[in-house]
Amino acid sequence: MNRLLIILTAATFFSCSKESDYSPNTYSSESTIYSDSDKVAFRQILFMLSPYTKVSGEKKYVVAPVISNIVVKVNDRNWGTFQSIQLDSSHVAKSLAGEYYTTDKTLKYSVIAGFQADKDTLTLAREYADLLNNYLTLTPGMYIIDIKSFDITRANGQIETVYPLISVPLEVEKDVSSAFIGEFEVELLD
């Protein structure tokens, strides 16, 4: 174990040079992980979801404490899986409508989608290398944001997966770290 620790320490020491020759043993000053420049990297997408169901032709907004497992992709690459900000539904006048607790007032579930790596806990050198190779930042330009799916809780406590088919363009501007892409109403079918 000590031999492995010494090898990893030596490898880290020799590979962390700030030279800019782009060799495999150095970091570029343009790197997304390490940078000594003042550039701002785009890292966060913000949006709101308003799931609803129709009762006698009228929209009834779904009341749930949270919307979870929100899958977001950018140009068909995984951006991450997120959860909305917790909603205090104890102050919302709600009634049972079909499979859901609902209200007449529009409910907006806020989502802050900061880029996530595929794995939260990295233990192997290979996993760190994969993180560095797949670290996704958005440079200025146009992108397509897809909200692929999310989970919402029904009145009986069961979780339903919804596929909202939301696809919107996003223009990333220079030195901007986040952007609001919109508010989306999603009809839930019984």
Foldseek 3Di string as FASTA:
>chain_A
DVVVVVVVVVLCVQQDDDDQPPDNSYDHCPAPVDHPDPWAWAFKEKEKEWEWADDPNATWTFDAQKKFQFWKDKQNHTQDGWIFDGDPCVPADWDADPFGTTHNDTDITMTIRGGDDPDPDDDDPVSVVVCRVPVDTDDFDKIKMARQWIWGATPVGDIDIDGQGDIDMDGDDTRDHYDYGYYYYGYDDD
